[in-house]
Amino acid sequence: MPGRNVVELTRDLIRCASVTPKDEGALALLGHVLASAGFAVDTVTFSESGQPDIANLYARIGTQSSCLMFAGHTDVVPPGDPEKWRF
């Protein structure tokens, strides 16, 4: 990504406590980085009765065949008891 160090980006993403269903800024960060690289970025929220809403990011570069698209969400399963983690 132009002007963005991959290690710094990884550190910034790890700092986002993105435990389901919250992304804690991870989608906004990725959206900003991808938009600055020329991607068209959209966020879509998926809803299901009885479940928390989940935000997803879609980023596409190119408007004709062929194009590249990222699709997905940036959450993880709950980490359990943080006191039991060494790293």
PDB file of N, CA and C in Angstrom:
ATOM      1  N   MET A   1       0.840  -1.167   0.000  1.00  0.00           N
ATOM      2  CA  MET A   1       0.000   0.000   0.000  1.00  0.00           C
ATOM      3  C   MET A   1       0.891   1.237   0.000  1.00  0.00           C
ATOM      4  N   PRO A   2       0.580   2.197  -0.798  1.00  0.00           N
ATOM      5  CA  PRO A   2       1.412   3.388  -0.878  1.00  0.00           C
ATOM      6  C   PRO A   2       1.551   4.086   0.475  1.00  0.00           C
ATOM      7  N   GLY A   3       2.794   4.324   0.869  1.00  0.00           N
ATOM      8  CA  GLY A   3       3.047   5.068   2.084  1.00  0.00           C
ATOM      9  C   GLY A   3       2.687   4.337   3.370  1.00  0.00           C
ATOM     10  N   ARG A   4       2.443   3.047   3.308  1.00  0.00           N
ATOM     11  CA  ARG A   4       2.027   2.309   4.506  1.00  0.00           C
ATOM     12  C   ARG A   4       2.942   1.119   4.711  1.00  0.00           C
ATOM     13  N   ASN A   5       3.619   1.068   5.830  1.00  0.00           N
ATOM     14  CA  ASN A   5       4.484  -0.038   6.196  1.00  0.00           C
ATOM     15  C   ASN A   5       3.617  -1.219   6.634  1.00  0.00           C
ATOM     16  N   VAL A   6       3.894  -2.384   6.093  1.00  0.00           N
ATOM     17  CA  VAL A   6       3.081  -3.567   6.383  1.00  0.00           C
ATOM     18  C   VAL A   6       3.146  -3.935   7.867  1.00  0.00           C
ATOM     19  N   VAL A   7       4.307  -3.793   8.474  1.00  0.00           N
ATOM     20  CA  VAL A   7       4.436  -4.114   9.899  1.00  0.00           C
ATOM     21  C   VAL A   7       3.594  -3.146  10.727  1.00  0.00           C
ATOM     22  N   GLU A   8       3.631  -1.850  10.390  1.00  0.00           N
ATOM     23  CA  GLU A   8       2.813  -0.870  11.111  1.00  0.00           C
ATOM     24  C   GLU A   8       1.327  -1.161  10.942  1.00  0.00           C
ATOM     25  N   LEU A   9       0.926  -1.509   9.733  1.00  0.00           N
ATOM     26  CA  LEU A   9      -0.475  -1.847   9.483  1.00  0.00           C
ATOM     27  C   LEU A   9      -0.887  -3.056  10.324  1.00  0.00           C
ATOM     28  N   THR A  10      -0.047  -4.071  10.355  1.00  0.00           N
ATOM     29  CA  THR A  10      -0.349  -5.264  11.147  1.00  0.00           C
ATOM     30  C   THR A  10      -0.475  -4.914  12.622  1.00  0.00           C
ATOM     31  N   ARG A  11       0.451  -4.112  13.133  1.00  0.00           N
ATOM     32  CA  ARG A  11       0.375  -3.685  14.534  1.00  0.00           C
ATOM     33  C   ARG A  11      -0.913  -2.921  14.813  1.00  0.00           C
ATOM     34  N   ASP A  12      -1.278  -1.999  13.903  1.00  0.00           N
ATOM     35  CA  ASP A  12      -2.496  -1.215  14.083  1.00  0.00           C
ATOM     36  C   ASP A  12      -3.732  -2.107  14.075  1.00  0.00           C
ATOM     37  N   LEU A  13      -3.750  -3.117  13.213  1.00  0.00           N
ATOM     38  CA  LEU A  13      -4.891  -4.037  13.172  1.00  0.00           C
ATOM     39  C   LEU A  13      -4.965  -4.891  14.433  1.00  0.00           C
ATOM     40  N   ILE A  14      -3.813  -5.343  14.921  1.00  0.00           N
ATOM     41  CA  ILE A  14      -3.791  -6.150  16.147  1.00  0.00           C
ATOM     42  C   ILE A  14      -4.289  -5.327  17.334  1.00  0.00           C
ATOM     43  N   ARG A  15      -4.035  -4.036  17.320  1.00  0.00           N
ATOM     44  CA  ARG A  15      -4.496  -3.161  18.413  1.00  0.00           C
ATOM     45  C   ARG A  15      -6.023  -3.000  18.429  1.00  0.00           C
ATOM     46  N   CYS A  16      -6.681  -3.309  17.337  1.00  0.00           N
ATOM     47  CA  CYS A  16      -8.146  -3.246  17.288  1.00  0.00           C
ATOM     48  C   CYS A  16      -8.693  -4.503  17.953  1.00  0.00           C
ATOM     49  N   ALA A  17      -9.332  -4.340  19.080  1.00  0.00           N
ATOM     50  CA  ALA A  17      -9.881  -5.498  19.809  1.00  0.00           C
ATOM     51  C   ALA A  17     -11.143  -5.982  19.099  1.00  0.00           C
ATOM     52  N   SER A  18     -10.955  -6.596  17.956  1.00  0.00           N
ATOM     53  CA  SER A  18     -12.078  -6.952  17.080  1.00  0.00           C
ATOM     54  C   SER A  18     -12.629  -8.334  17.406  1.00  0.00           C
ATOM     55  N   VAL A  19     -13.294  -8.421  18.550  1.00  0.00           N
ATOM     56  CA  VAL A  19     -13.916  -9.668  18.977  1.00  0.00           C
ATOM     57  C   VAL A  19     -15.391  -9.606  18.578  1.00  0.00           C
ATOM     58  N   THR A  20     -15.866 -10.647  17.956  1.00  0.00           N
ATOM     59  CA  THR A  20     -17.243 -10.707  17.471  1.00  0.00           C
ATOM     60  C   THR A  20     -18.210 -10.189  18.534  1.00  0.00           C
ATOM     61  N   PRO A  21     -19.105  -9.273  18.241  1.00  0.00           N
ATOM     62  CA  PRO A  21     -19.477  -8.733  16.945  1.00  0.00           C
ATOM     63  C   PRO A  21     -18.851  -7.357  16.650  1.00  0.00           C
ATOM     64  N   LYS A  22     -17.935  -6.888  17.470  1.00  0.00           N
ATOM     65  CA  LYS A  22     -17.359  -5.545  17.310  1.00  0.00           C
ATOM     66  C   LYS A  22     -16.080  -5.606  16.488  1.00  0.00           C
ATOM     67  N   ASP A  23     -15.865  -4.594  15.641  1.00  0.00           N
ATOM     68  CA  ASP A  23     -14.603  -4.563  14.898  1.00  0.00           C
ATOM     69  C   ASP A  23     -13.630  -3.544  15.484  1.00  0.00           C
ATOM     70  N   GLU A  24     -14.115  -2.674  16.371  1.00  0.00           N
ATOM     71  CA  GLU A  24     -13.286  -1.708  17.099  1.00  0.00           C
ATOM     72  C   GLU A  24     -12.330  -0.921  16.215  1.00  0.00           C
ATOM     73  N   GLY A  25     -12.788  -0.560  15.028  1.00  0.00           N
ATOM     74  CA  GLY A  25     -11.998   0.298  14.149  1.00  0.00           C
ATOM     75  C   GLY A  25     -11.212  -0.424  13.074  1.00  0.00           C
ATOM     76  N   ALA A  26     -11.194  -1.746  13.096  1.00  0.00           N
ATOM     77  CA  ALA A  26     -10.419  -2.493  12.104  1.00  0.00           C
ATOM     78  C   ALA A  26     -10.933  -2.256  10.682  1.00  0.00           C
ATOM     79  N   LEU A  27     -12.260  -2.247  10.508  1.00  0.00           N
ATOM     80  CA  LEU A  27     -12.810  -2.027   9.167  1.00  0.00           C
ATOM     81  C   LEU A  27     -12.511  -0.621   8.667  1.00  0.00           C
ATOM     82  N   ALA A  28     -12.617   0.366   9.544  1.00  0.00           N
ATOM     83  CA  ALA A  28     -12.318   1.746   9.139  1.00  0.00           C
ATOM     84  C   ALA A  28     -10.850   1.877   8.743  1.00  0.00           C
ATOM     85  N   LEU A  29      -9.975   1.254   9.501  1.00  0.00           N
ATOM     86  CA  LEU A  29      -8.547   1.285   9.186  1.00  0.00           C
ATOM     87  C   LEU A  29      -8.280   0.643   7.831  1.00  0.00           C
ATOM     88  N   LEU A  30      -8.795  -0.562   7.627  1.00  0.00           N
ATOM     89  CA  LEU A  30      -8.602  -1.240   6.341  1.00  0.00           C
ATOM     90  C   LEU A  30      -9.239  -0.453   5.202  1.00  0.00           C
ATOM     91  N   GLY A  31     -10.423   0.083   5.437  1.00  0.00           N
ATOM     92  CA  GLY A  31     -11.095   0.879   4.410  1.00  0.00           C
ATOM     93  C   GLY A  31     -10.265   2.086   4.010  1.00  0.00           C
ATOM     94  N   HIS A  32      -9.686   2.773   4.982  1.00  0.00           N
ATOM     95  CA  HIS A  32      -8.852   3.944   4.694  1.00  0.00           C
ATOM     96  C   HIS A  32      -7.610   3.552   3.886  1.00  0.00           C
ATOM     97  N   VAL A  33      -6.947   2.491   4.300  1.00  0.00           N
ATOM     98  CA  VAL A  33      -5.731   2.049   3.605  1.00  0.00           C
ATOM     99  C   VAL A  33      -6.064   1.625   2.175  1.00  0.00           C
ATOM    100  N   LEU A  34      -7.125   0.848   2.009  1.00  0.00           N
ATOM    101  CA  LEU A  34      -7.493   0.385   0.669  1.00  0.00           C
ATOM    102  C   LEU A  34      -7.975   1.534  -0.215  1.00  0.00           C
ATOM    103  N   ALA A  35      -8.755   2.463   0.339  1.00  0.00           N
ATOM    104  CA  ALA A  35      -9.226   3.617  -0.442  1.00  0.00           C
ATOM    105  C   ALA A  35      -8.043   4.461  -0.902  1.00  0.00           C
ATOM    106  N   SER A  36      -7.039   4.632  -0.042  1.00  0.00           N
ATOM    107  CA  SER A  36      -5.872   5.430  -0.433  1.00  0.00           C
ATOM    108  C   SER A  36      -5.051   4.729  -1.511  1.00  0.00           C
ATOM    109  N   ALA A  37      -5.260   3.420  -1.674  1.00  0.00           N
ATOM    110  CA  ALA A  37      -4.566   2.666  -2.725  1.00  0.00           C
ATOM    111  C   ALA A  37      -5.410   2.578  -3.995  1.00  0.00           C
ATOM    112  N   GLY A  38      -6.572   3.242  -4.017  1.00  0.00           N
ATOM    113  CA  GLY A  38      -7.383   3.273  -5.227  1.00  0.00           C
ATOM    114  C   GLY A  38      -8.571   2.340  -5.251  1.00  0.00           C
ATOM    115  N   PHE A  39      -8.835   1.651  -4.154  1.00  0.00           N
ATOM    116  CA  PHE A  39      -9.969   0.738  -4.100  1.00  0.00           C
ATOM    117  C   PHE A  39     -11.259   1.515  -3.836  1.00  0.00           C
ATOM    118  N   ALA A  40     -12.369   1.044  -4.393  1.00  0.00           N
ATOM    119  CA  ALA A  40     -13.702   1.512  -4.019  1.00  0.00           C
ATOM    120  C   ALA A  40     -14.112   0.670  -2.821  1.00  0.00           C
ATOM    121  N   VAL A  41     -14.448   1.311  -1.709  1.00  0.00           N
ATOM    122  CA  VAL A  41     -14.690   0.596  -0.455  1.00  0.00           C
ATOM    123  C   VAL A  41     -16.139   0.779  -0.020  1.00  0.00           C
ATOM    124  N   ASP A  42     -16.776  -0.321   0.347  1.00  0.00           N
ATOM    125  CA  ASP A  42     -18.130  -0.300   0.884  1.00  0.00           C
ATOM    126  C   ASP A  42     -18.170  -1.154   2.141  1.00  0.00           C
ATOM    127  N   THR A  43     -18.985  -0.747   3.097  1.00  0.00           N
ATOM    128  CA  THR A  43     -19.225  -1.547   4.287  1.00  0.00           C
ATOM    129  C   THR A  43     -20.685  -1.955   4.286  1.00  0.00           C
ATOM    130  N   VAL A  44     -20.930  -3.212   4.568  1.00  0.00           N
ATOM    131  CA  VAL A  44     -22.288  -3.756   4.597  1.00  0.00           C
ATOM    132  C   VAL A  44     -22.480  -4.424   5.949  1.00  0.00           C
ATOM    133  N   THR A  45     -23.637  -4.204   6.538  1.00  0.00           N
ATOM    134  CA  THR A  45     -23.949  -4.840   7.818  1.00  0.00           C
ATOM    135  C   THR A  45     -24.922  -5.982   7.579  1.00  0.00           C
ATOM    136  N   PHE A  46     -24.550  -7.150   8.069  1.00  0.00           N
ATOM    137  CA  PHE A  46     -25.416  -8.314   7.969  1.00  0.00           C
ATOM    138  C   PHE A  46     -26.154  -8.489   9.280  1.00  0.00           C
ATOM    139  N   SER A  47     -27.454  -8.707   9.177  1.00  0.00           N
ATOM    140  CA  SER A  47     -28.304  -8.873  10.352  1.00  0.00           C
ATOM    141  C   SER A  47     -29.037 -10.198  10.270  1.00  0.00           C
ATOM    142  N   GLU A  48     -29.171 -10.820  11.422  1.00  0.00           N
ATOM    143  CA  GLU A  48     -29.940 -12.054  11.528  1.00  0.00           C
ATOM    144  C   GLU A  48     -30.707 -11.986  12.840  1.00  0.00           C
ATOM    145  N   SER A  49     -31.951 -12.352  12.802  1.00  0.00           N
ATOM    146  CA  SER A  49     -32.802 -12.296  13.988  1.00  0.00           C
ATOM    147  C   SER A  49     -32.150 -13.027  15.160  1.00  0.00           C
ATOM    148  N   GLY A  50     -32.079 -12.337  16.298  1.00  0.00           N
ATOM    149  CA  GLY A  50     -31.515 -12.956  17.495  1.00  0.00           C
ATOM    150  C   GLY A  50     -30.002 -12.929  17.568  1.00  0.00           C
ATOM    151  N   GLN A  51     -29.351 -12.390  16.567  1.00  0.00           N
ATOM    152  CA  GLN A  51     -27.891 -12.341  16.535  1.00  0.00           C
ATOM    153  C   GLN A  51     -27.442 -10.886  16.440  1.00  0.00           C
ATOM    154  N   PRO A  52     -26.248 -10.572  16.949  1.00  0.00           N
ATOM    155  CA  PRO A  52     -25.751  -9.198  16.790  1.00  0.00           C
ATOM    156  C   PRO A  52     -25.412  -8.920  15.327  1.00  0.00           C
ATOM    157  N   ASP A  53     -25.554  -7.667  14.929  1.00  0.00           N
ATOM    158  CA  ASP A  53     -25.177  -7.274  13.571  1.00  0.00           C
ATOM    159  C   ASP A  53     -23.667  -7.437  13.373  1.00  0.00           C
ATOM    160  N   ILE A  54     -23.278  -7.824  12.171  1.00  0.00           N
ATOM    161  CA  ILE A  54     -21.864  -7.994  11.830  1.00  0.00           C
ATOM    162  C   ILE A  54     -21.562  -7.137  10.608  1.00  0.00           C
ATOM    163  N   ALA A  55     -20.592  -6.243  10.746  1.00  0.00           N
ATOM    164  CA  ALA A  55     -20.162  -5.394   9.637  1.00  0.00           C
ATOM    165  C   ALA A  55     -19.140  -6.137   8.781  1.00  0.00           C
ATOM    166  N   ASN A  56     -19.208  -5.914   7.498  1.00  0.00           N
ATOM    167  CA  ASN A  56     -18.283  -6.525   6.541  1.00  0.00           C
ATOM    168  C   ASN A  56     -17.766  -5.455   5.606  1.00  0.00           C
ATOM    169  N   LEU A  57     -16.581  -5.649   5.098  1.00  0.00           N
ATOM    170  CA  LEU A  57     -15.956  -4.694   4.197  1.00  0.00           C
ATOM    171  C   LEU A  57     -15.804  -5.325   2.819  1.00  0.00           C
ATOM    172  N   TYR A  58     -16.149  -4.562   1.803  1.00  0.00           N
ATOM    173  CA  TYR A  58     -15.937  -4.964   0.416  1.00  0.00           C
ATOM    174  C   TYR A  58     -15.087  -3.881  -0.229  1.00  0.00           C
ATOM    175  N   ALA A  59     -13.994  -4.282  -0.833  1.00  0.00           N
ATOM    176  CA  ALA A  59     -13.117  -3.317  -1.501  1.00  0.00           C
ATOM    177  C   ALA A  59     -12.774  -3.861  -2.880  1.00  0.00           C
ATOM    178  N   ARG A  60     -12.983  -3.033  -3.897  1.00  0.00           N
ATOM    179  CA  ARG A  60     -12.767  -3.469  -5.275  1.00  0.00           C
ATOM    180  C   ARG A  60     -11.896  -2.442  -5.986  1.00  0.00           C
ATOM    181  N   ILE A  61     -10.975  -2.963  -6.776  1.00  0.00           N
ATOM    182  CA  ILE A  61     -10.196  -2.090  -7.639  1.00  0.00           C
ATOM    183  C   ILE A  61     -10.411  -2.571  -9.063  1.00  0.00           C
ATOM    184  N   GLY A  62     -10.770  -1.646  -9.928  1.00  0.00           N
ATOM    185  CA  GLY A  62     -11.098  -1.982 -11.306  1.00  0.00           C
ATOM    186  C   GLY A  62     -12.597  -1.995 -11.496  1.00  0.00           C
ATOM    187  N   THR A  63     -13.027  -1.671 -12.701  1.00  0.00           N
ATOM    188  CA  THR A  63     -14.465  -1.635 -12.985  1.00  0.00           C
ATOM    189  C   THR A  63     -14.839  -2.557 -14.135  1.00  0.00           C
ATOM    190  N   GLN A  64     -13.855  -3.156 -14.759  1.00  0.00           N
ATOM    191  CA  GLN A  64     -14.111  -4.077 -15.866  1.00  0.00           C
ATOM    192  C   GLN A  64     -13.360  -5.364 -15.605  1.00  0.00           C
ATOM    193  N   SER A  65     -13.582  -6.371 -16.440  1.00  0.00           N
ATOM    194  CA  SER A  65     -12.828  -7.612 -16.297  1.00  0.00           C
ATOM    195  C   SER A  65     -11.373  -7.312 -16.566  1.00  0.00           C
ATOM    196  N   SER A  66     -10.548  -7.740 -15.847  1.00  0.00           N
ATOM    197  CA  SER A  66     -10.579  -8.361 -14.542  1.00  0.00           C
ATOM    198  C   SER A  66     -10.437  -7.295 -13.456  1.00  0.00           C
ATOM    199  N   CYS A  67     -10.951  -7.616 -12.278  1.00  0.00           N
ATOM    200  CA  CYS A  67     -10.799  -6.702 -11.153  1.00  0.00           C
ATOM    201  C   CYS A  67     -10.445  -7.535  -9.924  1.00  0.00           C
ATOM    202  N   LEU A  68      -9.995  -6.861  -8.894  1.00  0.00           N
ATOM    203  CA  LEU A  68      -9.622  -7.515  -7.647  1.00  0.00           C
ATOM    204  C   LEU A  68     -10.570  -7.036  -6.569  1.00  0.00           C
ATOM    205  N   MET A  69     -11.088  -7.971  -5.756  1.00  0.00           N
ATOM    206  CA  MET A  69     -12.022  -7.598  -4.704  1.00  0.00           C
ATOM    207  C   MET A  69     -11.659  -8.306  -3.416  1.00  0.00           C
ATOM    208  N   PHE A  70     -11.670  -7.535  -2.329  1.00  0.00           N
ATOM    209  CA  PHE A  70     -11.531  -8.097  -0.989  1.00  0.00           C
ATOM    210  C   PHE A  70     -12.921  -8.143  -0.390  1.00  0.00           C
ATOM    211  N   ALA A  71     -13.262  -9.244   0.270  1.00  0.00           N
ATOM    212  CA  ALA A  71     -14.545  -9.356   0.946  1.00  0.00           C
ATOM    213  C   ALA A  71     -14.339 -10.123   2.235  1.00  0.00           C
ATOM    214  N   GLY A  72     -14.969  -9.650   3.286  1.00  0.00           N
ATOM    215  CA  GLY A  72     -14.852 -10.378   4.534  1.00  0.00           C
ATOM    216  C   GLY A  72     -15.129  -9.508   5.732  1.00  0.00           C
ATOM    217  N   HIS A  73     -14.906 -10.060   6.897  1.00  0.00           N
ATOM    218  CA  HIS A  73     -15.068  -9.300   8.124  1.00  0.00           C
ATOM    219  C   HIS A  73     -13.819  -9.482   8.978  1.00  0.00           C
ATOM    220  N   THR A  74     -13.671  -8.645   9.976  1.00  0.00           N
ATOM    221  CA  THR A  74     -12.412  -8.590  10.723  1.00  0.00           C
ATOM    222  C   THR A  74     -12.610  -8.914  12.191  1.00  0.00           C
ATOM    223  N   ASP A  75     -13.458  -9.866  12.479  1.00  0.00           N
ATOM    224  CA  ASP A  75     -13.653 -10.207  13.880  1.00  0.00           C
ATOM    225  C   ASP A  75     -13.035 -11.573  14.183  1.00  0.00           C
ATOM    226  N   VAL A  76     -12.871 -11.826  15.455  1.00  0.00           N
ATOM    227  CA  VAL A  76     -12.299 -13.096  15.902  1.00  0.00           C
ATOM    228  C   VAL A  76     -13.182 -13.658  17.008  1.00  0.00           C
ATOM    229  N   VAL A  77     -12.950 -14.903  17.343  1.00  0.00           N
ATOM    230  CA  VAL A  77     -13.699 -15.501  18.444  1.00  0.00           C
ATOM    231  C   VAL A  77     -13.191 -14.900  19.755  1.00  0.00           C
ATOM    232  N   PRO A  78     -14.013 -14.893  20.806  1.00  0.00           N
ATOM    233  CA  PRO A  78     -13.567 -14.361  22.096  1.00  0.00           C
ATOM    234  C   PRO A  78     -12.314 -15.095  22.587  1.00  0.00           C
ATOM    235  N   PRO A  79     -11.366 -14.356  23.175  1.00  0.00           N
ATOM    236  CA  PRO A  79     -10.080 -14.951  23.563  1.00  0.00           C
ATOM    237  C   PRO A  79     -10.115 -15.759  24.849  1.00  0.00           C
ATOM    238  N   GLY A  80     -11.247 -15.767  25.553  1.00  0.00           N
ATOM    239  CA  GLY A  80     -11.276 -16.463  26.833  1.00  0.00           C
ATOM    240  C   GLY A  80     -10.663 -15.598  27.917  1.00  0.00           C
ATOM    241  N   ASP A  81     -10.152 -16.222  28.952  1.00  0.00           N
ATOM    242  CA  ASP A  81      -9.577 -15.503  30.081  1.00  0.00           C
ATOM    243  C   ASP A  81      -8.216 -14.923  29.699  1.00  0.00           C
ATOM    244  N   PRO A  82      -8.110 -13.571  29.601  1.00  0.00           N
ATOM    245  CA  PRO A  82      -6.835 -12.953  29.213  1.00  0.00           C
ATOM    246  C   PRO A  82      -5.689 -13.256  30.184  1.00  0.00           C
ATOM    247  N   GLU A  83      -6.018 -13.582  31.429  1.00  0.00           N
ATOM    248  CA  GLU A  83      -4.982 -13.892  32.413  1.00  0.00           C
ATOM    249  C   GLU A  83      -4.232 -15.187  32.076  1.00  0.00           C
ATOM    250  N   LYS A  84      -4.827 -16.033  31.244  1.00  0.00           N
ATOM    251  CA  LYS A  84      -4.201 -17.301  30.880  1.00  0.00           C
ATOM    252  C   LYS A  84      -3.289 -17.193  29.660  1.00  0.00           C
ATOM    253  N   TRP A  85      -3.225 -15.995  29.045  1.00  0.00           N
ATOM    254  CA  TRP A  85      -2.389 -15.781  27.860  1.00  0.00           C
ATOM    255  C   TRP A  85      -1.002 -15.298  28.269  1.00  0.00           C
ATOM    256  N   ARG A  86       0.028 -15.901  27.703  1.00  0.00           N
ATOM    257  CA  ARG A  86       1.393 -15.432  27.892  1.00  0.00           C
ATOM    258  C   ARG A  86       1.800 -14.488  26.789  1.00  0.00           C
ATOM    259  N   PHE A  87       1.300 -14.695  25.581  1.00  0.00           N
ATOM    260  CA  PHE A  87       1.669 -13.882  24.421  1.00  0.00           C
ATOM    261  C   PHE A  87       0.425 -13.402  23.725  1.00  0.00           C
TER     262      PHE A  87
END
